[in-house]
Each structure stands twice: as C-alpha cells, then as structure tokens.
PDB file of N, CA and C in Angstrom:
ATOM      1  N   MET A   1     185.799  67.882  99.663  1.00  0.00           N
ATOM      2  CA  MET A   1     185.910  68.551  97.888  1.00  0.00           C
ATOM      3  C   MET A   1     184.862  67.853  97.312  1.00  0.00           C
ATOM      4  N   ASN A   2     185.350  66.293  97.936  1.00  0.00           N
ATOM      5  CA  ASN A   2     184.457  65.059  97.089  1.00  0.00           C
ATOM      6  C   ASN A   2     183.045  65.040  97.593  1.00  0.00           C
ATOM      7  N   VAL A   3     182.970  65.218  99.182  1.00  0.00           N
ATOM      8  CA  VAL A   3     181.417  65.405  99.791  1.00  0.00           C
ATOM      9  C   VAL A   3     180.805  66.807  98.809  1.00  0.00           C
ATOM     10  N   PHE A   4     180.904  67.464  98.803  1.00  0.00           N
ATOM     11  CA  PHE A   4     180.155  68.346  98.385  1.00  0.00           C
ATOM     12  C   PHE A   4     180.061  68.092  96.659  1.00  0.00           C
ATOM     13  N   LYS A   5     180.348  67.656  95.588  1.00  0.00           N
ATOM     14  CA  LYS A   5     180.092  67.495  95.072  1.00  0.00           C
ATOM     15  C   LYS A   5     179.001  66.265  94.979  1.00  0.00           C
ATOM     16  N   TYR A   6     179.111  65.538  95.755  1.00  0.00           N
ATOM     17  CA  TYR A   6     178.123  64.238  95.497  1.00  0.00           C
ATOM     18  C   TYR A   6     176.779  65.184  96.188  1.00  0.00           C
ATOM     19  N   PHE A   7     177.062  65.775  96.927  1.00  0.00           N
ATOM     20  CA  PHE A   7     175.986  66.729  97.472  1.00  0.00           C
ATOM     21  C   PHE A   7     174.782  67.314  96.067  1.00  0.00           C
ATOM     22  N   ILE A   8     176.020  67.908  95.575  1.00  0.00           N
ATOM     23  CA  ILE A   8     175.487  68.998  94.392  1.00  0.00           C
ATOM     24  C   ILE A   8     175.028  67.828  93.609  1.00  0.00           C
ATOM     25  N   LEU A   9     175.603  67.009  93.351  1.00  0.00           N
ATOM     26  CA  LEU A   9     174.945  65.865  92.163  1.00  0.00           C
ATOM     27  C   LEU A   9     173.794  65.484  92.298  1.00  0.00           C
ATOM     28  N   VAL A  10     173.350  64.500  94.055  1.00  0.00           N
ATOM     29  CA  VAL A  10     172.602  64.574  94.895  1.00  0.00           C
ATOM     30  C   VAL A  10     171.087  65.486  94.806  1.00  0.00           C
ATOM     31  N   ALA A  11     172.114  66.526  94.744  1.00  0.00           N
ATOM     32  CA  ALA A  11     170.605  68.254  94.628  1.00  0.00           C
ATOM     33  C   ALA A  11     170.642  68.120  93.542  1.00  0.00           C
ATOM     34  N   LEU A  12     170.866  68.131  92.375  1.00  0.00           N
ATOM     35  CA  LEU A  12     170.346  67.403  90.927  1.00  0.00           C
ATOM     36  C   LEU A  12     169.114  66.872  90.635  1.00  0.00           C
ATOM     37  N   LEU A  13     169.927  65.627  90.424  1.00  0.00           N
ATOM     38  CA  LEU A  13     168.925  64.298  90.738  1.00  0.00           C
ATOM     39  C   LEU A  13     167.829  64.172  91.654  1.00  0.00           C
ATOM     40  N   CYS A  14     167.122  65.123  92.639  1.00  0.00           N
ATOM     41  CA  CYS A  14     166.408  64.990  93.601  1.00  0.00           C
ATOM     42  C   CYS A  14     165.637  66.222  93.017  1.00  0.00           C
ATOM     43  N   GLY A  15     166.138  67.240  92.355  1.00  0.00           N
ATOM     44  CA  GLY A  15     165.219  68.232  91.580  1.00  0.00           C
ATOM     45  C   GLY A  15     164.761  67.748  90.426  1.00  0.00           C
ATOM     46  N   CYS A  16     165.147  66.524  89.738  1.00  0.00           N
ATOM     47  CA  CYS A  16     164.499  66.241  88.276  1.00  0.00           C
ATOM     48  C   CYS A  16     163.410  65.528  88.478  1.00  0.00           C
ATOM     49  N   MET A  17     162.826  64.697  89.841  1.00  0.00           N
ATOM     50  CA  MET A  17     161.871  64.373  89.796  1.00  0.00           C
ATOM     51  C   MET A  17     161.118  64.288  90.672  1.00  0.00           C
ATOM     52  N   THR A  18     159.658  65.339  90.378  1.00  0.00           N
ATOM     53  CA  THR A  18     159.348  65.849  90.807  1.00  0.00           C
ATOM     54  C   THR A  18     157.838  64.962  91.149  1.00  0.00           C
ATOM     55  N   ARG A  19     156.853  65.111  92.146  1.00  0.00           N
ATOM     56  CA  ARG A  19     155.632  64.709  92.568  1.00  0.00           C
ATOM     57  C   ARG A  19     154.761  65.792  93.036  1.00  0.00           C
ATOM     58  N   ASN A  20     153.706  65.952  92.077  1.00  0.00           N
ATOM     59  CA  ASN A  20     152.770  66.731  92.756  1.00  0.00           C
ATOM     60  C   ASN A  20     151.506  66.332  92.894  1.00  0.00           C
ATOM     61  N   SER A  21     151.186  66.653  93.822  1.00  0.00           N
ATOM     62  CA  SER A  21     150.223  66.055  94.464  1.00  0.00           C
ATOM     63  C   SER A  21     149.292  66.275  96.257  1.00  0.00           C
ATOM     64  N   TYR A  22     147.940  66.396  96.590  1.00  0.00           N
ATOM     65  CA  TYR A  22     147.677  66.457  98.139  1.00  0.00           C
ATOM     66  C   TYR A  22     147.320  65.318  98.155  1.00  0.00           C
ATOM     67  N   ILE A  23     147.231  64.614  97.996  1.00  0.00           N
ATOM     68  CA  ILE A  23     147.188  62.931  97.629  1.00  0.00           C
ATOM     69  C   ILE A  23     147.790  61.753  97.805  1.00  0.00           C
ATOM     70  N   THR A  24     148.712  61.294  98.143  1.00  0.00           N
ATOM     71  CA  THR A  24     149.561  60.508  97.935  1.00  0.00           C
ATOM     72  C   THR A  24     149.169  58.912  97.613  1.00  0.00           C
ATOM     73  N   GLN A  25     149.792  58.174  97.585  1.00  0.00           N
ATOM     74  CA  GLN A  25     149.413  56.668  97.729  1.00  0.00           C
ATOM     75  C   GLN A  25     149.210  56.325  98.837  1.00  0.00           C
ATOM     76  N   GLU A  26     150.380  56.250  99.859  1.00  0.00           N
ATOM     77  CA  GLU A  26     150.508  55.928 101.321  1.00  0.00           C
ATOM     78  C   GLU A  26     149.428  56.564 101.670  1.00  0.00           C
ATOM     79  N   ARG A  27     148.821  58.133 101.646  1.00  0.00           N
ATOM     80  CA  ARG A  27     147.538  58.374 102.648  1.00  0.00           C
ATOM     81  C   ARG A  27     146.525  57.910 101.746  1.00  0.00           C
ATOM     82  N   TYR A  28     146.485  57.479 100.257  1.00  0.00           N
ATOM     83  CA  TYR A  28     145.088  56.913 100.468  1.00  0.00           C
ATOM     84  C   TYR A  28     144.895  55.760 100.480  1.00  0.00           C
ATOM     85  N   SER A  29     146.406  54.545 101.351  1.00  0.00           N
ATOM     86  CA  SER A  29     145.602  53.598 101.799  1.00  0.00           C
ATOM     87  C   SER A  29     145.469  53.660 103.224  1.00  0.00           C
ATOM     88  N   GLN A  30     145.678  54.865 103.579  1.00  0.00           N
ATOM     89  CA  GLN A  30     145.443  54.723 105.245  1.00  0.00           C
ATOM     90  C   GLN A  30     144.176  55.198 105.109  1.00  0.00           C
ATOM     91  N   ILE A  31     143.078  55.813 104.314  1.00  0.00           N
ATOM     92  CA  ILE A  31     141.695  56.702 104.228  1.00  0.00           C
ATOM     93  C   ILE A  31     140.804  55.437 104.208  1.00  0.00           C
ATOM     94  N   GLN A  32     139.985  55.319 105.369  1.00  0.00           N
ATOM     95  CA  GLN A  32     139.027  53.900 105.621  1.00  0.00           C
ATOM     96  C   GLN A  32     137.495  54.723 104.422  1.00  0.00           C
ATOM     97  N   VAL A  33     137.082  53.212 104.461  1.00  0.00           N
ATOM     98  CA  VAL A  33     135.589  53.312 104.008  1.00  0.00           C
ATOM     99  C   VAL A  33     135.330  53.597 105.328  1.00  0.00           C
ATOM    100  N   GLY A  34     133.843  54.734 105.051  1.00  0.00           N
ATOM    101  CA  GLY A  34     133.315  54.765 105.955  1.00  0.00           C
ATOM    102  C   GLY A  34     133.914  56.387 106.907  1.00  0.00           C
ATOM    103  N   GLU A  35     134.542  56.963 106.884  1.00  0.00           N
ATOM    104  CA  GLU A  35     135.178  58.241 107.039  1.00  0.00           C
ATOM    105  C   GLU A  35     134.690  59.215 106.687  1.00  0.00           C
ATOM    106  N   PRO A  36     134.431  60.304 107.360  1.00  0.00           N
ATOM    107  CA  PRO A  36     133.961  61.498 106.933  1.00  0.00           C
ATOM    108  C   PRO A  36     134.684  61.721 105.564  1.00  0.00           C
ATOM    109  N   ILE A  37     134.489  62.167 104.197  1.00  0.00           N
ATOM    110  CA  ILE A  37     135.023  63.236 103.394  1.00  0.00           C
ATOM    111  C   ILE A  37     135.543  64.403 103.933  1.00  0.00           C
ATOM    112  N   ALA A  38     134.715  65.157 104.612  1.00  0.00           N
ATOM    113  CA  ALA A  38     135.166  66.187 105.091  1.00  0.00           C
ATOM    114  C   ALA A  38     136.645  66.239 106.242  1.00  0.00           C
ATOM    115  N   SER A  39     137.087  65.345 106.506  1.00  0.00           N
ATOM    116  CA  SER A  39     138.466  65.161 107.387  1.00  0.00           C
ATOM    117  C   SER A  39     139.426  65.012 105.973  1.00  0.00           C
ATOM    118  N   VAL A  40     138.719  64.384 104.807  1.00  0.00           N
ATOM    119  CA  VAL A  40     140.188  64.216 103.599  1.00  0.00           C
ATOM    120  C   VAL A  40     140.195  65.645 102.948  1.00  0.00           C
ATOM    121  N   VAL A  41     138.948  66.742 102.300  1.00  0.00           N
ATOM    122  CA  VAL A  41     138.796  67.758 101.935  1.00  0.00           C
ATOM    123  C   VAL A  41     139.517  68.214 102.837  1.00  0.00           C
ATOM    124  N   LYS A  42     139.703  68.280 104.147  1.00  0.00           N
ATOM    125  CA  LYS A  42     140.314  69.503 104.865  1.00  0.00           C
ATOM    126  C   LYS A  42     141.783  68.911 104.817  1.00  0.00           C
ATOM    127  N   GLU A  43     141.696  67.702 104.747  1.00  0.00           N
ATOM    128  CA  GLU A  43     143.526  67.799 105.030  1.00  0.00           C
ATOM    129  C   GLU A  43     143.869  67.696 103.338  1.00  0.00           C
ATOM    130  N   ALA A  44     143.382  67.027 102.481  1.00  0.00           N
ATOM    131  CA  ALA A  44     144.674  67.324 101.071  1.00  0.00           C
ATOM    132  C   ALA A  44     143.494  68.368 100.316  1.00  0.00           C
ATOM    133  N   GLY A  45     142.487  69.366 100.542  1.00  0.00           N
ATOM    134  CA  GLY A  45     142.148  70.485 100.175  1.00  0.00           C
ATOM    135  C   GLY A  45     140.767  70.007  99.168  1.00  0.00           C
ATOM    136  N   GLU A  46     140.302  70.512  98.086  1.00  0.00           N
ATOM    137  CA  GLU A  46     139.298  70.304  97.320  1.00  0.00           C
ATOM    138  C   GLU A  46     139.930  69.153  96.546  1.00  0.00           C
ATOM    139  N   PRO A  47     138.990  68.857  96.054  1.00  0.00           N
ATOM    140  CA  PRO A  47     138.864  67.708  94.445  1.00  0.00           C
ATOM    141  C   PRO A  47     139.664  68.012  92.855  1.00  0.00           C
ATOM    142  N   TYR A  48     140.069  67.129  92.636  1.00  0.00           N
ATOM    143  CA  TYR A  48     140.298  68.154  91.223  1.00  0.00           C
ATOM    144  C   TYR A  48     138.787  67.960  90.369  1.00  0.00           C
ATOM    145  N   SER A  49     138.366  66.553  90.986  1.00  0.00           N
ATOM    146  CA  SER A  49     137.075  66.883  90.008  1.00  0.00           C
ATOM    147  C   SER A  49     135.836  66.568  91.597  1.00  0.00           C
ATOM    148  N   LEU A  50     134.705  66.790  91.070  1.00  0.00           N
ATOM    149  CA  LEU A  50     133.298  66.619  91.833  1.00  0.00           C
ATOM    150  C   LEU A  50     131.683  66.324  91.492  1.00  0.00           C
ATOM    151  N   THR A  51     131.936  65.078  91.118  1.00  0.00           N
ATOM    152  CA  THR A  51     130.768  64.378  90.353  1.00  0.00           C
ATOM    153  C   THR A  51     129.709  63.991  91.129  1.00  0.00           C
ATOM    154  N   THR A  52     128.524  63.905  90.359  1.00  0.00           N
ATOM    155  CA  THR A  52     127.290  62.978  91.184  1.00  0.00           C
ATOM    156  C   THR A  52     127.437  61.703  89.772  1.00  0.00           C
ATOM    157  N   ASN A  53     126.985  60.219  90.107  1.00  0.00           N
ATOM    158  CA  ASN A  53     126.533  59.452  89.561  1.00  0.00           C
ATOM    159  C   ASN A  53     125.592  59.104  89.343  1.00  0.00           C
ATOM    160  N   SER A  54     125.027  57.979  88.838  1.00  0.00           N
ATOM    161  CA  SER A  54     123.891  57.742  88.380  1.00  0.00           C
ATOM    162  C   SER A  54     123.400  56.734  89.763  1.00  0.00           C
ATOM    163  N   ARG A  55     124.077  56.558  90.761  1.00  0.00           N
ATOM    164  CA  ARG A  55     123.629  55.542  91.690  1.00  0.00           C
ATOM    165  C   ARG A  55     123.064  57.069  92.585  1.00  0.00           C
ATOM    166  N   GLY A  56     123.225  58.298  92.571  1.00  0.00           N
ATOM    167  CA  GLY A  56     123.651  59.568  93.261  1.00  0.00           C
ATOM    168  C   GLY A  56     124.623  59.470  94.577  1.00  0.00           C
ATOM    169  N   GLU A  57     125.652  58.596  94.147  1.00  0.00           N
ATOM    170  CA  GLU A  57     126.725  59.102  94.748  1.00  0.00           C
ATOM    171  C   GLU A  57     127.735  60.307  93.797  1.00  0.00           C
ATOM    172  N   GLN A  58     127.927  61.083  95.041  1.00  0.00           N
ATOM    173  CA  GLN A  58     129.590  62.079  94.864  1.00  0.00           C
ATOM    174  C   GLN A  58     130.849  61.348  94.682  1.00  0.00           C
ATOM    175  N   GLU A  59     131.481  61.898  93.187  1.00  0.00           N
ATOM    176  CA  GLU A  59     132.523  61.150  93.114  1.00  0.00           C
ATOM    177  C   GLU A  59     133.607  62.262  93.407  1.00  0.00           C
ATOM    178  N   TYR A  60     134.690  62.144  94.139  1.00  0.00           N
ATOM    179  CA  TYR A  60     135.421  63.540  94.762  1.00  0.00           C
ATOM    180  C   TYR A  60     136.990  62.656  94.040  1.00  0.00           C
ATOM    181  N   LEU A  61     137.733  63.174  92.802  1.00  0.00           N
ATOM    182  CA  LEU A  61     138.876  62.718  92.250  1.00  0.00           C
ATOM    183  C   LEU A  61     139.688  63.407  92.319  1.00  0.00           C
ATOM    184  N   TYR A  62     140.822  63.034  93.230  1.00  0.00           N
ATOM    185  CA  TYR A  62     142.400  63.257  93.707  1.00  0.00           C
ATOM    186  C   TYR A  62     143.271  63.181  92.334  1.00  0.00           C
ATOM    187  N   ILE A  63     144.136  63.877  91.922  1.00  0.00           N
ATOM    188  CA  ILE A  63     144.840  63.064  91.233  1.00  0.00           C
ATOM    189  C   ILE A  63     146.940  63.387  91.844  1.00  0.00           C
ATOM    190  N   GLU A  64     147.861  62.486  91.648  1.00  0.00           N
ATOM    191  CA  GLU A  64     148.901  62.534  91.906  1.00  0.00           C
ATOM    192  C   GLU A  64     149.419  62.460  90.914  1.00  0.00           C
ATOM    193  N   LEU A  65     150.130  63.145  90.521  1.00  0.00           N
ATOM    194  CA  LEU A  65     151.568  63.340  89.141  1.00  0.00           C
ATOM    195  C   LEU A  65     152.595  63.209  89.527  1.00  0.00           C
ATOM    196  N   PHE A  66     153.539  61.991  88.632  1.00  0.00           N
ATOM    197  CA  PHE A  66     154.792  61.949  88.644  1.00  0.00           C
ATOM    198  C   PHE A  66     155.108  62.341  87.582  1.00  0.00           C
ATOM    199  N   SER A  67     156.614  63.638  87.344  1.00  0.00           N
ATOM    200  CA  SER A  67     156.659  63.618  86.442  1.00  0.00           C
ATOM    201  C   SER A  67     159.002  64.184  86.515  1.00  0.00           C
ATOM    202  N   THR A  68     159.378  63.600  85.175  1.00  0.00           N
ATOM    203  CA  THR A  68     160.849  63.958  85.385  1.00  0.00           C
ATOM    204  C   THR A  68     161.138  64.950  84.874  1.00  0.00           C
ATOM    205  N   GLY A  69     161.160  65.895  85.405  1.00  0.00           N
ATOM    206  CA  GLY A  69     161.570  67.519  84.559  1.00  0.00           C
ATOM    207  C   GLY A  69     160.367  67.921  83.991  1.00  0.00           C
ATOM    208  N   THR A  70     159.757  67.863  82.530  1.00  0.00           N
ATOM    209  CA  THR A  70     159.061  68.786  82.153  1.00  0.00           C
ATOM    210  C   THR A  70     158.215  67.502  81.378  1.00  0.00           C
ATOM    211  N   ALA A  71     158.533  65.896  81.797  1.00  0.00           N
ATOM    212  CA  ALA A  71     157.850  65.230  80.962  1.00  0.00           C
ATOM    213  C   ALA A  71     157.001  64.337  82.184  1.00  0.00           C
ATOM    214  N   LEU A  72     156.015  64.151  81.751  1.00  0.00           N
ATOM    215  CA  LEU A  72     154.861  63.476  82.416  1.00  0.00           C
ATOM    216  C   LEU A  72     155.461  62.196  81.978  1.00  0.00           C
ATOM    217  N   VAL A  73     155.639  61.679  83.705  1.00  0.00           N
ATOM    218  CA  VAL A  73     155.872  60.089  83.639  1.00  0.00           C
ATOM    219  C   VAL A  73     154.469  59.075  83.736  1.00  0.00           C
ATOM    220  N   TYR A  74     153.780  59.686  84.908  1.00  0.00           N
ATOM    221  CA  TYR A  74     152.246  58.607  84.455  1.00  0.00           C
ATOM    222  C   TYR A  74     151.411  60.027  85.832  1.00  0.00           C
ATOM    223  N   GLU A  75     150.220  59.199  86.151  1.00  0.00           N
ATOM    224  CA  GLU A  75     149.450  60.121  87.181  1.00  0.00           C
ATOM    225  C   GLU A  75     148.711  58.697  87.925  1.00  0.00           C
ATOM    226  N   ASN A  76     148.333  58.821  89.459  1.00  0.00           N
ATOM    227  CA  ASN A  76     146.836  57.945  89.893  1.00  0.00           C
ATOM    228  C   ASN A  76     146.183  59.364  90.416  1.00  0.00           C
ATOM    229  N   HIS A  77     145.047  58.348  90.051  1.00  0.00           N
ATOM    230  CA  HIS A  77     144.062  58.764  90.554  1.00  0.00           C
ATOM    231  C   HIS A  77     143.433  58.147  90.932  1.00  0.00           C
ATOM    232  N   TYR A  78     142.725  58.954  92.237  1.00  0.00           N
ATOM    233  CA  TYR A  78     141.935  58.409  93.160  1.00  0.00           C
ATOM    234  C   TYR A  78     140.763  58.751  93.545  1.00  0.00           C
ATOM    235  N   THR A  79     139.920  57.979  93.069  1.00  0.00           N
ATOM    236  CA  THR A  79     138.747  58.446  93.697  1.00  0.00           C
ATOM    237  C   THR A  79     137.782  57.991  94.917  1.00  0.00           C
ATOM    238  N   PHE A  80     137.059  58.628  95.670  1.00  0.00           N
ATOM    239  CA  PHE A  80     136.426  58.515  96.786  1.00  0.00           C
ATOM    240  C   PHE A  80     134.981  58.712  96.031  1.00  0.00           C
ATOM    241  N   PHE A  81     133.996  57.528  96.723  1.00  0.00           N
ATOM    242  CA  PHE A  81     132.528  57.723  96.180  1.00  0.00           C
ATOM    243  C   PHE A  81     131.757  57.739  97.664  1.00  0.00           C
ATOM    244  N   VAL A  82     131.340  59.467  97.569  1.00  0.00           N
ATOM    245  CA  VAL A  82     130.920  59.293  99.767  1.00  0.00           C
ATOM    246  C   VAL A  82     129.266  59.439  98.960  1.00  0.00           C
ATOM    247  N   LYS A  83     128.542  58.983  99.678  1.00  0.00           N
ATOM    248  CA  LYS A  83     126.949  59.003 100.032  1.00  0.00           C
ATOM    249  C   LYS A  83     126.819  59.476 101.563  1.00  0.00           C
ATOM    250  N   ASP A  84     125.726  60.382 101.674  1.00  0.00           N
ATOM    251  CA  ASP A  84     126.052  60.824 103.071  1.00  0.00           C
ATOM    252  C   ASP A  84     126.993  61.863 103.679  1.00  0.00           C
ATOM    253  N   GLY A  85     127.834  61.895 103.444  1.00  0.00           N
ATOM    254  CA  GLY A  85     128.971  62.532 104.010  1.00  0.00           C
ATOM    255  C   GLY A  85     130.332  61.545 104.140  1.00  0.00           C
ATOM    256  N   LYS A  86     129.563  60.532 104.034  1.00  0.00           N
ATOM    257  CA  LYS A  86     130.753  59.464 104.272  1.00  0.00           C
ATOM    258  C   LYS A  86     131.360  58.456 103.341  1.00  0.00           C
ATOM    259  N   ILE A  87     132.697  57.944 103.103  1.00  0.00           N
ATOM    260  CA  ILE A  87     132.907  57.369 102.030  1.00  0.00           C
ATOM    261  C   ILE A  87     132.813  55.889 101.599  1.00  0.00           C
ATOM    262  N   VAL A  88     131.855  55.739 100.844  1.00  0.00           N
ATOM    263  CA  VAL A  88     131.291  54.246 100.718  1.00  0.00           C
ATOM    264  C   VAL A  88     132.041  53.074 100.154  1.00  0.00           C
ATOM    265  N   TYR A  89     132.724  53.810  99.294  1.00  0.00           N
ATOM    266  CA  TYR A  89     133.888  53.176  98.105  1.00  0.00           C
ATOM    267  C   TYR A  89     134.792  53.906  97.656  1.00  0.00           C
ATOM    268  N   LYS A  90     136.210  53.032  97.469  1.00  0.00           N
ATOM    269  CA  LYS A  90     137.484  54.267  97.211  1.00  0.00           C
ATOM    270  C   LYS A  90     138.137  53.440  95.913  1.00  0.00           C
ATOM    271  N   LYS A  91     138.701  53.974  95.039  1.00  0.00           N
ATOM    272  CA  LYS A  91     139.695  53.036  94.108  1.00  0.00           C
ATOM    273  C   LYS A  91     140.491  54.192  93.619  1.00  0.00           C
ATOM    274  N   MET A  92     141.451  53.392  93.050  1.00  0.00           N
ATOM    275  CA  MET A  92     142.950  53.808  92.579  1.00  0.00           C
ATOM    276  C   MET A  92     143.274  53.138  90.804  1.00  0.00           C
ATOM    277  N   THR A  93     143.589  54.395  90.359  1.00  0.00           N
ATOM    278  CA  THR A  93     143.556  54.136  89.256  1.00  0.00           C
ATOM    279  C   THR A  93     144.618  54.782  87.961  1.00  0.00           C
ATOM    280  N   LYS A  94     145.957  53.522  87.930  1.00  0.00           N
ATOM    281  CA  LYS A  94     146.829  54.201  87.385  1.00  0.00           C
ATOM    282  C   LYS A  94     147.117  54.763  85.940  1.00  0.00           C
ATOM    283  N   VAL A  95     147.132  55.843  85.788  1.00  0.00           N
ATOM    284  CA  VAL A  95     146.692  56.435  84.541  1.00  0.00           C
ATOM    285  C   VAL A  95     148.500  57.000  83.829  1.00  0.00           C
ATOM    286  N   LYS A  96     148.321  56.104  82.508  1.00  0.00           N
ATOM    287  CA  LYS A  96     149.768  56.779  81.915  1.00  0.00           C
ATOM    288  C   LYS A  96     149.152  57.146  80.090  1.00  0.00           C
ATOM    289  N   GLU A  97     150.094  58.113  80.109  1.00  0.00           N
ATOM    290  CA  GLU A  97     149.827  59.173  78.947  1.00  0.00           C
ATOM    291  C   GLU A  97     150.113  58.327  77.820  1.00  0.00           C
ATOM    292  N   PRO A  98     149.229  58.291  76.766  1.00  0.00           N
ATOM    293  CA  PRO A  98     149.653  57.841  75.262  1.00  0.00           C
ATOM    294  C   PRO A  98     151.186  58.591  74.883  1.00  0.00           C
ATOM    295  N   PRO A  99     151.457  57.561  74.106  1.00  0.00           N
ATOM    296  CA  PRO A  99     152.638  57.685  73.797  1.00  0.00           C
ATOM    297  C   PRO A  99     152.364  58.335  72.851  1.00  0.00           C
ATOM    298  N   TYR A 100     153.447  59.414  71.657  1.00  0.00           N
ATOM    299  CA  TYR A 100     153.875  60.000  70.869  1.00  0.00           C
ATOM    300  C   TYR A 100     154.630  59.820  70.079  1.00  0.00           C
ATOM    301  N   ASP A 101     155.031  60.388  68.409  1.00  0.00           N
ATOM    302  CA  ASP A 101     156.616  60.445  67.967  1.00  0.00           C
ATOM    303  C   ASP A 101     157.138  61.225  67.962  1.00  0.00           C
ATOM    304  N   LEU A 102     158.346  61.324  68.630  1.00  0.00           N
ATOM    305  CA  LEU A 102     159.624  62.155  69.201  1.00  0.00           C
ATOM    306  C   LEU A 102     159.457  62.949  68.077  1.00  0.00           C
ATOM    307  N   ILE A 103     160.170  62.249  67.165  1.00  0.00           N
ATOM    308  CA  ILE A 103     160.304  63.516  65.690  1.00  0.00           C
ATOM    309  C   ILE A 103     159.681  63.804  65.325  1.00  0.00           C
ATOM    310  N   TYR A 104     158.123  63.850  65.385  1.00  0.00           N
ATOM    311  CA  TYR A 104     157.282  64.190  64.246  1.00  0.00           C
ATOM    312  C   TYR A 104     156.363  65.274  65.080  1.00  0.00           C
ATOM    313  N   GLN A 105     155.978  64.815  66.469  1.00  0.00           N
ATOM    314  CA  GLN A 105     154.602  65.546  66.873  1.00  0.00           C
ATOM    315  C   GLN A 105     155.443  66.567  67.779  1.00  0.00           C
ATOM    316  N   ASP A 106     154.519  67.107  68.352  1.00  0.00           N
ATOM    317  CA  ASP A 106     154.962  68.018  69.457  1.00  0.00           C
ATOM    318  C   ASP A 106     154.226  66.654  70.602  1.00  0.00           C
ATOM    319  N   ASP A 107     154.678  67.418  72.221  1.00  0.00           N
ATOM    320  CA  ASP A 107     154.196  66.389  73.113  1.00  0.00           C
ATOM    321  C   ASP A 107     153.143  67.696  73.523  1.00  0.00           C
ATOM    322  N   PRO A 108     151.449  66.148  73.059  1.00  0.00           N
ATOM    323  CA  PRO A 108     150.351  66.738  73.839  1.00  0.00           C
ATOM    324  C   PRO A 108     150.464  66.747  75.195  1.00  0.00           C
ATOM    325  N   ASN A 109     151.043  66.109  75.848  1.00  0.00           N
ATOM    326  CA  ASN A 109     150.876  66.222  77.525  1.00  0.00           C
ATOM    327  C   ASN A 109     151.826  66.876  77.709  1.00  0.00           C
ATOM    328  N   HIS A 110     152.639  67.830  77.415  1.00  0.00           N
ATOM    329  CA  HIS A 110     153.760  68.686  78.159  1.00  0.00           C
ATOM    330  C   HIS A 110     152.557  70.080  78.296  1.00  0.00           C
ATOM    331  N   HIS A 111     153.257  70.625  79.723  1.00  0.00           N
ATOM    332  CA  HIS A 111     152.444  71.954  80.166  1.00  0.00           C
ATOM    333  C   HIS A 111     152.426  73.589  79.266  1.00  0.00           C
ATOM    334  N   TYR A 112     153.275  73.374  78.807  1.00  0.00           N
ATOM    335  CA  TYR A 112     153.800  74.657  78.289  1.00  0.00           C
ATOM    336  C   TYR A 112     153.249  74.090  76.810  1.00  0.00           C
ATOM    337  N   TYR A 113     152.375  73.091  76.423  1.00  0.00           N
ATOM    338  CA  TYR A 113     151.900  72.942  74.588  1.00  0.00           C
ATOM    339  C   TYR A 113     150.976  73.874  74.404  1.00  0.00           C
ATOM    340  N   PRO A 114     151.038  74.512  73.348  1.00  0.00           N
ATOM    341  CA  PRO A 114     149.883  75.718  72.849  1.00  0.00           C
ATOM    342  C   PRO A 114     148.369  75.144  72.778  1.00  0.00           C
TER     343      PRO A 114
END
C-alpha cells in the first residue's frame, strides 16, 4: 500500500513541472554549425518566429518553456542564423520573466490573463 502512495505522490509532483518545447537544450547542443536548417525544421517543426537581419541572414527562433503549474519559471530561446539554407551561427538565451507584486498586480505572464 505504501508503494501505491509513493507512486501517486511522484505522479502528482511530475505533473506539476512541465516543459513545452520542440527543441530542448540537449537537442540544441547536438545541432552543428553547417547543418541544413531543413533538417532542424523537419524534426522540430516551424520556428516560433522567422526574421531576416541586416546582414541578410534568416533568424529562426525556437522557445523552450519551463513552468510549474500555471507559473512560467523561465524560457530558453534558441536562435539559429541561416545563410543559403545552412546554419552559420547559433545562440541560446535564458529569459526570466520580470517580477510582479503578488498582492497588488495580476500576473501579466499568466496564460489566462485577459
């Protein structure tokens, strides 16, 4: 009976922490400069955003979300700079949402915020 209680406890704790992403930090580290962006898009899906910078490179942005329940903890932003269909540069940025006053402000980062 104790094993069942521990199983329920572990299941509840695992359900509270979620990671929503197409690319994880592990997968990002495996992607090499020079790799065709088509293989990344095929595996990870369409990027969160696709822009062109002043140097004429396309910037593919993928975002990995880390949340606990409904609270967003932080995001990893993975940017791939592409020229002629190949990755020429990549960077990862960790973004933490700005704090807010729990008592007097609604959470502007909450996905149910009107």
